[in-house]
Amino acid sequence: MGVVLDVKNVYRYPFQEVVNSYLNKYPTPLEKHVTDVKTVEEQSDSATGIVYRRRIATCNNVIPSFLRKFSILNVPNVYLEEESWLDMKTRVMTLKSRCLTWAQYASLNEESVYRECKDNPNWTEFIQRGTISITGAGILNCVLETFAYTFLKQGVKKSISIMETILQERYGCPFS
C-alpha cells in the first residue's frame, strides 16, 4: 500500500538565509525529539560548485507505548540519513532523507527542494514529498502507515514553524 504527503511553503526570506537556517536548525529547544545531527560526509565539487553533505540525525522514538510491545519497535532512538546537494549558482538545494531504523520493514523517504522563488527573488520556495510504505508487519502495516503519515504531517508543520521562528529570530521580519 503506502502513503504520500506533498507539502509546499514559501519562506519570505532570501535563499541563503533559509539554507543557512536549515543547515543549522537542529538540535534546537524548539524540537525536543531531534537530539543530534552529525555531518558524516561533505564534499565540494570545484567544477560545479555543488556542495554535497550526508548527515545522520538522532531522534527520540515517538512510537506510542502500545505499539512498542513489539520488540522491533521498542528502541530508544531512530536514525535518519539526509543527503543534500547545495548549488549556489542556480540557488537550489535538493535533499533526500530516509529512515535507517527499521529499513528492513519500512520505507520512509522525503525528497525536498529549496529554491529561489520565481515570483520574488527575496523569497524561498520549499517543496517536499514524503512517502511511507511498511511491509513485514502483517495486519499492523496499515496501522503503522497511518501513524507514520500522521506523525510526518504534524512533523512537517512543526518543522516549517520552527524554520519561521529561527528565520525571524536571526534575520528579523520577513521580506514583503
N, C-alpha and C. Protein backbone atom coordinates (compact mmCIF):
# COMPACT_ATOMS: atom_id res chain seq x y z
N MET A 1 0.84 -1.18 0.00
CA MET A 1 0.00 0.00 0.00
C MET A 1 0.89 1.24 0.00
N GLY A 2 1.01 1.97 1.08
CA GLY A 2 1.85 3.17 1.17
C GLY A 2 1.05 4.44 1.14
N VAL A 3 1.64 5.49 1.68
CA VAL A 3 1.01 6.81 1.70
C VAL A 3 2.01 7.86 1.23
N VAL A 4 1.47 8.97 0.72
CA VAL A 4 2.29 10.06 0.19
C VAL A 4 1.79 11.37 0.79
N LEU A 5 2.73 12.24 1.13
CA LEU A 5 2.41 13.57 1.65
C LEU A 5 3.19 14.60 0.84
N ASP A 6 2.48 15.53 0.21
CA ASP A 6 3.10 16.61 -0.56
C ASP A 6 2.92 17.93 0.19
N VAL A 7 3.98 18.71 0.27
CA VAL A 7 3.95 19.98 1.00
C VAL A 7 4.63 21.06 0.17
N LYS A 8 4.06 22.25 0.21
CA LYS A 8 4.68 23.42 -0.41
C LYS A 8 4.59 24.57 0.58
N ASN A 9 5.65 25.36 0.64
CA ASN A 9 5.66 26.52 1.52
C ASN A 9 6.59 27.56 0.92
N VAL A 10 6.30 28.82 1.16
CA VAL A 10 7.19 29.91 0.74
C VAL A 10 7.65 30.63 2.01
N TYR A 11 8.97 30.68 2.17
CA TYR A 11 9.57 31.46 3.24
C TYR A 11 9.85 32.85 2.68
N ARG A 12 9.44 33.88 3.36
CA ARG A 12 9.63 35.23 2.88
C ARG A 12 11.00 35.76 3.30
N TYR A 13 12.01 34.94 3.02
CA TYR A 13 13.40 35.26 3.31
C TYR A 13 14.24 34.80 2.12
N PRO A 14 15.39 35.45 1.90
CA PRO A 14 16.26 35.06 0.78
C PRO A 14 16.80 33.64 0.93
N PHE A 15 17.12 33.06 -0.19
CA PHE A 15 17.60 31.68 -0.28
C PHE A 15 18.75 31.39 0.69
N GLN A 16 19.78 32.23 0.68
CA GLN A 16 20.96 31.98 1.51
C GLN A 16 20.59 31.93 3.00
N GLU A 17 19.72 32.81 3.43
CA GLU A 17 19.30 32.83 4.84
C GLU A 17 18.51 31.57 5.19
N VAL A 18 17.65 31.14 4.29
CA VAL A 18 16.86 29.93 4.53
C VAL A 18 17.76 28.70 4.59
N VAL A 19 18.68 28.60 3.65
CA VAL A 19 19.60 27.45 3.62
C VAL A 19 20.46 27.43 4.88
N ASN A 20 21.03 28.57 5.25
CA ASN A 20 21.85 28.63 6.47
C ASN A 20 21.05 28.21 7.70
N SER A 21 19.83 28.69 7.78
CA SER A 21 18.97 28.34 8.92
C SER A 21 18.63 26.86 8.90
N TYR A 22 18.33 26.31 7.72
CA TYR A 22 18.01 24.89 7.63
C TYR A 22 19.19 24.03 8.09
N LEU A 23 20.37 24.34 7.58
CA LEU A 23 21.54 23.52 7.88
C LEU A 23 21.96 23.60 9.36
N ASN A 24 21.49 24.61 10.07
CA ASN A 24 21.83 24.77 11.48
C ASN A 24 20.61 24.71 12.39
N LYS A 25 19.54 24.16 11.88
CA LYS A 25 18.26 24.15 12.60
C LYS A 25 18.26 23.24 13.83
N TYR A 26 18.87 22.08 13.74
CA TYR A 26 18.83 21.11 14.84
C TYR A 26 20.21 20.87 15.40
N PRO A 27 20.33 20.49 16.64
CA PRO A 27 19.25 20.45 17.64
C PRO A 27 18.85 21.86 18.07
N THR A 28 17.61 21.95 18.53
CA THR A 28 17.04 23.21 18.99
C THR A 28 16.05 22.93 20.11
N PRO A 29 15.92 23.84 21.06
CA PRO A 29 14.91 23.67 22.11
C PRO A 29 13.48 23.68 21.56
N LEU A 30 13.34 24.15 20.32
CA LEU A 30 12.01 24.19 19.70
C LEU A 30 11.53 22.80 19.29
N GLU A 31 12.44 21.82 19.22
CA GLU A 31 12.08 20.44 18.85
C GLU A 31 12.87 19.48 19.73
N LYS A 32 12.19 18.92 20.71
CA LYS A 32 12.87 18.06 21.68
C LYS A 32 13.18 16.67 21.14
N HIS A 33 12.54 16.25 20.06
CA HIS A 33 12.72 14.88 19.55
C HIS A 33 13.97 14.70 18.69
N VAL A 34 14.50 15.77 18.12
CA VAL A 34 15.74 15.69 17.35
C VAL A 34 16.88 16.04 18.31
N THR A 35 17.66 15.03 18.70
CA THR A 35 18.67 15.23 19.74
C THR A 35 20.07 15.50 19.20
N ASP A 36 20.32 15.13 17.93
CA ASP A 36 21.65 15.33 17.38
C ASP A 36 21.60 15.24 15.86
N VAL A 37 22.45 16.01 15.21
CA VAL A 37 22.65 15.91 13.76
C VAL A 37 24.15 16.02 13.52
N LYS A 38 24.70 14.99 12.89
CA LYS A 38 26.13 14.96 12.61
C LYS A 38 26.36 14.89 11.11
N THR A 39 27.26 15.74 10.63
CA THR A 39 27.69 15.65 9.23
C THR A 39 28.74 14.56 9.16
N VAL A 40 28.46 13.51 8.38
CA VAL A 40 29.39 12.39 8.28
C VAL A 40 30.18 12.41 6.96
N GLU A 41 29.76 13.27 6.04
CA GLU A 41 30.48 13.40 4.78
C GLU A 41 30.15 14.77 4.19
N GLU A 42 31.17 15.44 3.66
CA GLU A 42 30.96 16.72 2.99
C GLU A 42 32.00 16.85 1.89
N GLN A 43 31.53 17.16 0.70
CA GLN A 43 32.41 17.31 -0.46
C GLN A 43 31.95 18.50 -1.27
N SER A 44 32.91 19.21 -1.83
CA SER A 44 32.60 20.33 -2.70
C SER A 44 33.21 20.04 -4.07
N ASP A 45 32.40 20.12 -5.11
CA ASP A 45 32.87 19.90 -6.47
C ASP A 45 33.38 21.23 -7.02
N SER A 46 34.67 21.34 -7.22
CA SER A 46 35.26 22.61 -7.66
C SER A 46 34.78 23.02 -9.05
N ALA A 47 34.43 22.07 -9.88
CA ALA A 47 33.97 22.39 -11.24
C ALA A 47 32.57 22.98 -11.25
N THR A 48 31.67 22.39 -10.47
CA THR A 48 30.27 22.84 -10.47
C THR A 48 29.95 23.76 -9.30
N GLY A 49 30.75 23.70 -8.25
CA GLY A 49 30.47 24.49 -7.04
C GLY A 49 29.43 23.85 -6.14
N ILE A 50 28.95 22.66 -6.49
CA ILE A 50 27.92 21.99 -5.70
C ILE A 50 28.55 21.38 -4.45
N VAL A 51 27.91 21.64 -3.32
CA VAL A 51 28.36 21.08 -2.04
C VAL A 51 27.42 19.93 -1.69
N TYR A 52 28.02 18.75 -1.51
CA TYR A 52 27.28 17.54 -1.12
C TYR A 52 27.52 17.31 0.37
N ARG A 53 26.45 17.01 1.10
CA ARG A 53 26.55 16.66 2.51
C ARG A 53 25.71 15.42 2.79
N ARG A 54 26.24 14.59 3.67
CA ARG A 54 25.47 13.46 4.20
C ARG A 54 25.49 13.61 5.70
N ARG A 55 24.28 13.67 6.28
CA ARG A 55 24.16 13.87 7.73
C ARG A 55 23.29 12.77 8.32
N ILE A 56 23.55 12.47 9.59
CA ILE A 56 22.75 11.49 10.32
C ILE A 56 22.10 12.21 11.50
N ALA A 57 20.79 12.12 11.57
CA ALA A 57 20.04 12.71 12.68
C ALA A 57 19.65 11.61 13.67
N THR A 58 19.78 11.92 14.94
CA THR A 58 19.33 11.03 16.01
C THR A 58 18.07 11.64 16.59
N CYS A 59 17.01 10.84 16.63
CA CYS A 59 15.71 11.31 17.11
C CYS A 59 15.20 10.36 18.18
N ASN A 60 14.44 10.92 19.13
CA ASN A 60 13.77 10.07 20.11
C ASN A 60 12.73 9.22 19.39
N ASN A 61 12.54 8.01 19.86
CA ASN A 61 11.50 7.14 19.32
C ASN A 61 10.15 7.65 19.84
N VAL A 62 9.27 8.04 18.94
CA VAL A 62 7.98 8.59 19.32
C VAL A 62 6.82 7.61 19.12
N ILE A 63 7.15 6.38 18.82
CA ILE A 63 6.10 5.38 18.63
C ILE A 63 5.37 5.17 19.96
N PRO A 64 4.05 5.18 19.95
CA PRO A 64 3.29 5.02 21.20
C PRO A 64 3.62 3.71 21.92
N SER A 65 3.47 3.74 23.22
CA SER A 65 3.86 2.59 24.06
C SER A 65 3.09 1.32 23.69
N PHE A 66 1.82 1.43 23.28
CA PHE A 66 1.07 0.21 22.95
C PHE A 66 1.66 -0.49 21.72
N LEU A 67 2.32 0.26 20.83
CA LEU A 67 2.97 -0.38 19.68
C LEU A 67 4.38 -0.86 20.02
N ARG A 68 4.97 -0.31 21.07
CA ARG A 68 6.32 -0.71 21.47
C ARG A 68 6.34 -2.09 22.13
N LYS A 69 5.19 -2.69 22.32
CA LYS A 69 5.14 -4.05 22.85
C LYS A 69 5.77 -5.03 21.87
N PHE A 70 5.85 -4.59 20.62
CA PHE A 70 6.55 -5.39 19.61
C PHE A 70 8.02 -4.99 19.69
N SER A 71 8.88 -5.95 20.00
CA SER A 71 10.28 -5.66 20.32
C SER A 71 11.00 -4.87 19.23
N ILE A 72 10.67 -5.10 17.98
CA ILE A 72 11.34 -4.39 16.89
C ILE A 72 11.10 -2.88 16.97
N LEU A 73 9.96 -2.48 17.54
CA LEU A 73 9.61 -1.06 17.63
C LEU A 73 10.11 -0.42 18.92
N ASN A 74 10.57 -1.25 19.87
CA ASN A 74 10.96 -0.75 21.18
C ASN A 74 12.46 -0.43 21.22
N VAL A 75 12.82 0.66 20.52
CA VAL A 75 14.20 1.15 20.51
C VAL A 75 14.19 2.58 21.04
N PRO A 76 15.26 3.00 21.71
CA PRO A 76 15.25 4.35 22.28
C PRO A 76 15.38 5.46 21.23
N ASN A 77 16.16 5.20 20.17
CA ASN A 77 16.41 6.24 19.17
C ASN A 77 16.10 5.75 17.76
N VAL A 78 15.78 6.70 16.91
CA VAL A 78 15.55 6.45 15.49
C VAL A 78 16.59 7.28 14.74
N TYR A 79 17.18 6.68 13.71
CA TYR A 79 18.23 7.35 12.95
C TYR A 79 17.76 7.63 11.54
N LEU A 80 17.99 8.87 11.11
CA LEU A 80 17.62 9.32 9.77
C LEU A 80 18.87 9.76 9.03
N GLU A 81 18.94 9.41 7.76
CA GLU A 81 20.04 9.85 6.92
C GLU A 81 19.52 10.89 5.95
N GLU A 82 20.28 11.97 5.82
CA GLU A 82 19.92 13.04 4.89
C GLU A 82 21.10 13.30 3.97
N GLU A 83 20.82 13.34 2.68
CA GLU A 83 21.81 13.76 1.70
C GLU A 83 21.32 15.06 1.09
N SER A 84 22.26 16.01 0.91
CA SER A 84 21.86 17.28 0.31
C SER A 84 22.89 17.71 -0.73
N TRP A 85 22.39 18.43 -1.72
CA TRP A 85 23.20 18.99 -2.79
C TRP A 85 22.85 20.48 -2.87
N LEU A 86 23.81 21.31 -2.50
CA LEU A 86 23.60 22.76 -2.49
C LEU A 86 24.31 23.38 -3.69
N ASP A 87 23.53 24.00 -4.57
CA ASP A 87 24.06 24.65 -5.77
C ASP A 87 23.78 26.15 -5.65
N MET A 88 24.79 26.90 -5.25
CA MET A 88 24.60 28.34 -5.07
C MET A 88 24.49 29.08 -6.40
N LYS A 89 25.00 28.49 -7.49
CA LYS A 89 24.88 29.14 -8.80
C LYS A 89 23.42 29.20 -9.24
N THR A 90 22.72 28.09 -9.10
CA THR A 90 21.31 28.05 -9.50
C THR A 90 20.38 28.36 -8.34
N ARG A 91 20.94 28.50 -7.14
CA ARG A 91 20.19 28.81 -5.92
C ARG A 91 19.12 27.74 -5.65
N VAL A 92 19.61 26.49 -5.63
CA VAL A 92 18.75 25.34 -5.37
C VAL A 92 19.48 24.41 -4.40
N MET A 93 18.77 23.95 -3.38
CA MET A 93 19.28 22.90 -2.52
C MET A 93 18.28 21.75 -2.57
N THR A 94 18.78 20.58 -2.96
CA THR A 94 17.97 19.37 -3.07
C THR A 94 18.36 18.44 -1.93
N LEU A 95 17.36 17.83 -1.31
CA LEU A 95 17.61 16.92 -0.19
C LEU A 95 16.86 15.62 -0.38
N LYS A 96 17.48 14.54 0.10
CA LYS A 96 16.82 13.24 0.17
C LYS A 96 17.08 12.70 1.57
N SER A 97 16.02 12.29 2.23
CA SER A 97 16.12 11.75 3.58
C SER A 97 15.45 10.39 3.63
N ARG A 98 16.00 9.55 4.50
CA ARG A 98 15.39 8.24 4.69
C ARG A 98 15.64 7.77 6.11
N CYS A 99 14.75 6.93 6.57
CA CYS A 99 14.87 6.36 7.91
C CYS A 99 15.79 5.14 7.82
N LEU A 100 16.83 5.14 8.66
CA LEU A 100 17.75 4.00 8.70
C LEU A 100 17.24 2.91 9.65
N THR A 101 16.56 3.33 10.71
CA THR A 101 16.00 2.38 11.67
C THR A 101 14.79 1.71 11.00
N TRP A 102 14.68 0.45 11.16
CA TRP A 102 13.57 -0.36 10.61
C TRP A 102 13.57 -0.42 9.09
N ALA A 103 14.70 -0.18 8.45
CA ALA A 103 14.76 -0.16 6.98
C ALA A 103 14.31 -1.48 6.36
N GLN A 104 14.47 -2.59 7.11
CA GLN A 104 14.05 -3.88 6.56
C GLN A 104 12.53 -4.05 6.58
N TYR A 105 11.82 -3.16 7.31
CA TYR A 105 10.37 -3.26 7.42
C TYR A 105 9.62 -2.07 6.83
N ALA A 106 10.32 -0.95 6.70
CA ALA A 106 9.62 0.26 6.29
C ALA A 106 10.49 1.10 5.37
N SER A 107 9.82 1.76 4.46
CA SER A 107 10.47 2.73 3.60
C SER A 107 9.85 4.08 3.94
N LEU A 108 10.64 4.92 4.59
CA LEU A 108 10.20 6.28 4.94
C LEU A 108 11.18 7.23 4.28
N ASN A 109 10.73 7.93 3.25
CA ASN A 109 11.61 8.79 2.46
C ASN A 109 10.99 10.17 2.29
N GLU A 110 11.88 11.16 2.20
CA GLU A 110 11.46 12.52 1.89
C GLU A 110 12.39 13.05 0.81
N GLU A 111 11.80 13.74 -0.14
CA GLU A 111 12.57 14.46 -1.15
C GLU A 111 12.13 15.90 -1.08
N SER A 112 13.10 16.80 -0.90
CA SER A 112 12.78 18.22 -0.71
C SER A 112 13.64 19.08 -1.62
N VAL A 113 13.10 20.26 -1.92
CA VAL A 113 13.83 21.25 -2.70
C VAL A 113 13.58 22.62 -2.06
N TYR A 114 14.68 23.34 -1.85
CA TYR A 114 14.61 24.75 -1.51
C TYR A 114 15.15 25.48 -2.72
N ARG A 115 14.42 26.48 -3.19
CA ARG A 115 14.89 27.24 -4.35
C ARG A 115 14.38 28.67 -4.28
N GLU A 116 15.13 29.53 -4.93
CA GLU A 116 14.73 30.93 -5.01
C GLU A 116 13.36 31.00 -5.66
N CYS A 117 12.47 31.76 -5.07
CA CYS A 117 11.09 31.87 -5.57
C CYS A 117 11.07 32.66 -6.89
N LYS A 118 10.37 32.13 -7.87
CA LYS A 118 10.30 32.79 -9.18
C LYS A 118 9.54 34.12 -9.10
N ASP A 119 8.54 34.20 -8.23
CA ASP A 119 7.73 35.41 -8.11
C ASP A 119 8.45 36.54 -7.38
N ASN A 120 9.37 36.17 -6.48
CA ASN A 120 10.08 37.17 -5.69
C ASN A 120 11.44 36.60 -5.31
N PRO A 121 12.53 37.13 -5.87
CA PRO A 121 13.86 36.57 -5.59
C PRO A 121 14.31 36.72 -4.14
N ASN A 122 13.58 37.51 -3.34
CA ASN A 122 13.89 37.64 -1.91
C ASN A 122 13.21 36.56 -1.08
N TRP A 123 12.44 35.70 -1.73
CA TRP A 123 11.74 34.63 -1.02
C TRP A 123 12.30 33.27 -1.46
N THR A 124 12.00 32.26 -0.66
CA THR A 124 12.49 30.90 -0.95
C THR A 124 11.33 29.93 -0.92
N GLU A 125 11.21 29.15 -1.97
CA GLU A 125 10.16 28.14 -2.10
C GLU A 125 10.67 26.80 -1.56
N PHE A 126 9.81 26.14 -0.82
CA PHE A 126 10.11 24.82 -0.26
C PHE A 126 9.07 23.84 -0.76
N ILE A 127 9.53 22.75 -1.36
CA ILE A 127 8.64 21.70 -1.86
C ILE A 127 9.14 20.38 -1.29
N GLN A 128 8.22 19.57 -0.76
CA GLN A 128 8.61 18.28 -0.18
C GLN A 128 7.58 17.21 -0.51
N ARG A 129 8.10 16.01 -0.76
CA ARG A 129 7.24 14.84 -0.93
C ARG A 129 7.76 13.77 0.01
N GLY A 130 6.89 13.31 0.89
CA GLY A 130 7.22 12.24 1.81
C GLY A 130 6.45 11.00 1.44
N THR A 131 7.11 9.85 1.44
CA THR A 131 6.44 8.59 1.15
C THR A 131 6.74 7.60 2.27
N ILE A 132 5.73 6.83 2.60
CA ILE A 132 5.84 5.84 3.66
C ILE A 132 5.21 4.55 3.16
N SER A 133 5.96 3.46 3.28
CA SER A 133 5.44 2.14 2.94
C SER A 133 5.99 1.15 3.96
N ILE A 134 5.10 0.44 4.59
CA ILE A 134 5.51 -0.52 5.62
C ILE A 134 5.12 -1.92 5.19
N THR A 135 6.08 -2.84 5.31
CA THR A 135 5.84 -4.24 4.96
C THR A 135 6.38 -5.12 6.09
N GLY A 136 5.96 -6.33 6.11
CA GLY A 136 6.51 -7.28 7.07
C GLY A 136 5.91 -7.20 8.45
N ALA A 137 4.89 -6.36 8.64
CA ALA A 137 4.28 -6.25 9.97
C ALA A 137 2.87 -6.84 9.98
N GLY A 138 2.52 -7.54 8.91
CA GLY A 138 1.21 -8.19 8.86
C GLY A 138 0.07 -7.19 8.96
N ILE A 139 -0.85 -7.48 9.86
CA ILE A 139 -2.03 -6.62 10.00
C ILE A 139 -1.69 -5.24 10.55
N LEU A 140 -0.50 -5.09 11.10
CA LEU A 140 -0.10 -3.79 11.63
C LEU A 140 0.40 -2.83 10.54
N ASN A 141 0.64 -3.31 9.33
CA ASN A 141 1.14 -2.45 8.27
C ASN A 141 0.31 -1.17 8.15
N CYS A 142 -0.99 -1.32 8.03
CA CYS A 142 -1.88 -0.18 7.83
C CYS A 142 -1.89 0.74 9.05
N VAL A 143 -1.90 0.16 10.25
CA VAL A 143 -1.89 0.96 11.48
C VAL A 143 -0.60 1.77 11.56
N LEU A 144 0.53 1.13 11.28
CA LEU A 144 1.81 1.82 11.34
C LEU A 144 1.94 2.88 10.26
N GLU A 145 1.42 2.62 9.06
CA GLU A 145 1.45 3.62 8.00
C GLU A 145 0.61 4.83 8.38
N THR A 146 -0.55 4.58 8.97
CA THR A 146 -1.42 5.68 9.40
C THR A 146 -0.74 6.52 10.47
N PHE A 147 -0.12 5.85 11.45
CA PHE A 147 0.61 6.57 12.49
C PHE A 147 1.76 7.37 11.87
N ALA A 148 2.53 6.74 11.00
CA ALA A 148 3.68 7.40 10.38
C ALA A 148 3.22 8.60 9.54
N TYR A 149 2.14 8.46 8.80
CA TYR A 149 1.61 9.55 7.99
C TYR A 149 1.21 10.73 8.87
N THR A 150 0.47 10.43 9.94
CA THR A 150 0.01 11.48 10.87
C THR A 150 1.21 12.17 11.50
N PHE A 151 2.20 11.38 11.93
CA PHE A 151 3.39 11.95 12.54
C PHE A 151 4.16 12.80 11.54
N LEU A 152 4.31 12.31 10.30
CA LEU A 152 5.02 13.06 9.26
C LEU A 152 4.31 14.38 8.97
N LYS A 153 2.99 14.34 8.86
CA LYS A 153 2.21 15.55 8.58
C LYS A 153 2.37 16.58 9.69
N GLN A 154 2.30 16.14 10.94
CA GLN A 154 2.50 17.05 12.07
C GLN A 154 3.94 17.54 12.11
N GLY A 155 4.88 16.63 11.82
CA GLY A 155 6.30 16.99 11.83
C GLY A 155 6.63 18.05 10.80
N VAL A 156 6.05 17.95 9.62
CA VAL A 156 6.30 18.94 8.57
C VAL A 156 5.77 20.31 9.01
N LYS A 157 4.58 20.34 9.56
CA LYS A 157 4.02 21.61 10.05
C LYS A 157 4.92 22.22 11.13
N LYS A 158 5.37 21.37 12.05
CA LYS A 158 6.23 21.85 13.13
C LYS A 158 7.57 22.32 12.57
N SER A 159 8.13 21.59 11.63
CA SER A 159 9.41 21.95 11.02
C SER A 159 9.32 23.31 10.33
N ILE A 160 8.24 23.55 9.60
CA ILE A 160 8.04 24.84 8.93
C ILE A 160 7.92 25.95 9.97
N SER A 161 7.19 25.69 11.03
CA SER A 161 7.04 26.66 12.11
C SER A 161 8.38 26.97 12.78
N ILE A 162 9.18 25.94 13.02
CA ILE A 162 10.50 26.13 13.61
C ILE A 162 11.37 26.97 12.69
N MET A 163 11.35 26.67 11.40
CA MET A 163 12.14 27.45 10.44
C MET A 163 11.71 28.92 10.46
N GLU A 164 10.41 29.17 10.47
CA GLU A 164 9.92 30.54 10.50
C GLU A 164 10.40 31.26 11.77
N THR A 165 10.35 30.56 12.90
CA THR A 165 10.80 31.15 14.17
C THR A 165 12.29 31.46 14.13
N ILE A 166 13.09 30.50 13.66
CA ILE A 166 14.54 30.70 13.58
C ILE A 166 14.87 31.84 12.62
N LEU A 167 14.23 31.87 11.47
CA LEU A 167 14.48 32.93 10.50
C LEU A 167 14.14 34.30 11.08
N GLN A 168 13.02 34.39 11.76
CA GLN A 168 12.62 35.67 12.35
C GLN A 168 13.59 36.09 13.46
N GLU A 169 14.03 35.12 14.29
CA GLU A 169 14.98 35.45 15.36
C GLU A 169 16.32 35.91 14.79
N ARG A 170 16.78 35.27 13.72
CA ARG A 170 18.10 35.59 13.15
C ARG A 170 18.09 36.83 12.25
N TYR A 171 17.01 36.98 11.48
CA TYR A 171 17.03 37.99 10.41
C TYR A 171 15.92 39.04 10.51
N GLY A 172 15.08 38.95 11.53
CA GLY A 172 14.02 39.94 11.70
C GLY A 172 12.79 39.63 10.87
N CYS A 173 11.97 40.63 10.69
CA CYS A 173 10.71 40.45 9.98
C CYS A 173 10.95 40.01 8.55
N PRO A 174 10.04 39.18 8.02
CA PRO A 174 10.22 38.67 6.65
C PRO A 174 10.11 39.78 5.60
N PHE A 175 10.69 39.51 4.44
CA PHE A 175 10.62 40.43 3.30
C PHE A 175 9.21 40.42 2.73
N SER A 176 8.77 41.56 2.24
CA SER A 176 7.45 41.65 1.61
C SER A 176 7.55 41.34 0.14
